Protein backbone atom coordinates (compact mmCIF):
# COMPACT_ATOMS: atom_id res chain seq x y z
CA UNK A 1 -21.47 -21.77 -9.19
CA UNK A 2 -19.18 -18.75 -9.26
CA UNK A 3 -18.53 -16.27 -6.65
CA UNK A 4 -17.37 -12.74 -6.81
CA UNK A 5 -13.89 -12.40 -5.22
CA UNK A 6 -11.81 -9.35 -4.37
CA UNK A 7 -8.25 -10.56 -5.39
CA UNK A 8 -5.68 -9.08 -3.14
CA UNK A 9 -1.88 -9.36 -3.25
CA UNK A 10 0.59 -7.98 -0.73
CA UNK A 11 4.32 -7.36 -1.38
CA UNK A 12 6.14 -10.41 -0.05
CA UNK A 13 3.03 -12.39 1.09
CA UNK A 14 1.16 -14.93 -0.90
CA UNK A 15 -2.01 -13.58 -2.62
CA UNK A 16 -5.20 -14.15 -1.01
CA UNK A 17 -8.88 -14.21 -2.15
CA UNK A 18 -11.31 -12.19 -0.11
CA UNK A 19 -15.15 -13.37 -0.91
CA UNK A 20 -17.57 -10.50 -1.52
CA UNK A 21 -20.56 -12.65 -0.50
CA UNK A 22 -22.18 -13.09 -3.92
CA UNK A 23 -22.83 -16.48 -5.53
CA UNK A 24 -23.93 -16.92 -9.29
CA UNK A 25 -25.03 -19.87 -11.27
CA UNK A 26 -22.56 -19.30 -13.95
CA UNK A 27 -19.56 -17.16 -15.02
CA UNK A 28 -21.56 -14.94 -17.40
CA UNK A 29 -23.89 -13.66 -14.72
CA UNK A 30 -21.07 -12.94 -12.45
CA UNK A 31 -19.16 -11.14 -15.14
CA UNK A 32 -22.33 -9.00 -15.99
CA UNK A 33 -22.63 -8.04 -12.18
CA UNK A 34 -18.97 -6.74 -12.34
CA UNK A 35 -19.84 -4.72 -15.51
CA UNK A 36 -23.01 -3.46 -13.81
CA UNK A 37 -21.37 -2.34 -10.64
CA UNK A 38 -18.40 -0.93 -12.48
CA UNK A 39 -15.97 -2.84 -10.31
CA UNK A 40 -12.26 -2.42 -10.63
CA UNK A 41 -10.23 -5.19 -12.23
CA UNK A 42 -9.28 -6.61 -8.93
CA UNK A 43 -12.59 -8.23 -8.89
CA UNK A 44 -12.44 -12.00 -10.30
CA UNK A 45 -15.40 -14.59 -10.89
CA UNK A 46 -13.94 -17.94 -9.61
CA UNK A 47 -15.60 -21.28 -9.05
CA UNK A 48 -16.77 -21.61 -5.53
CA UNK A 49 -15.64 -25.10 -5.23
CA UNK A 50 -12.06 -24.05 -5.88
CA UNK A 51 -11.69 -21.52 -3.27
CA UNK A 52 -13.77 -22.82 -0.38
CA UNK A 53 -12.46 -26.20 0.58
CA UNK A 54 -15.12 -28.87 1.30
CA UNK A 55 -15.23 -29.84 5.01
CA UNK A 56 -14.20 -33.28 5.91
CA UNK A 57 -16.90 -35.26 7.59
């Protein structure tokens, strides 16, 4: 599963990803949505599992 994230970097701070609230079954669908919405290059498709840590039970 892939999510659409806004990649935000600030000077002298580590970069952060801000989720945009959309989850896609694969990268192709995520990239298609970026093209359809004509989003700027700061938007990235990233695996949800790599960004959102699993909670420890």
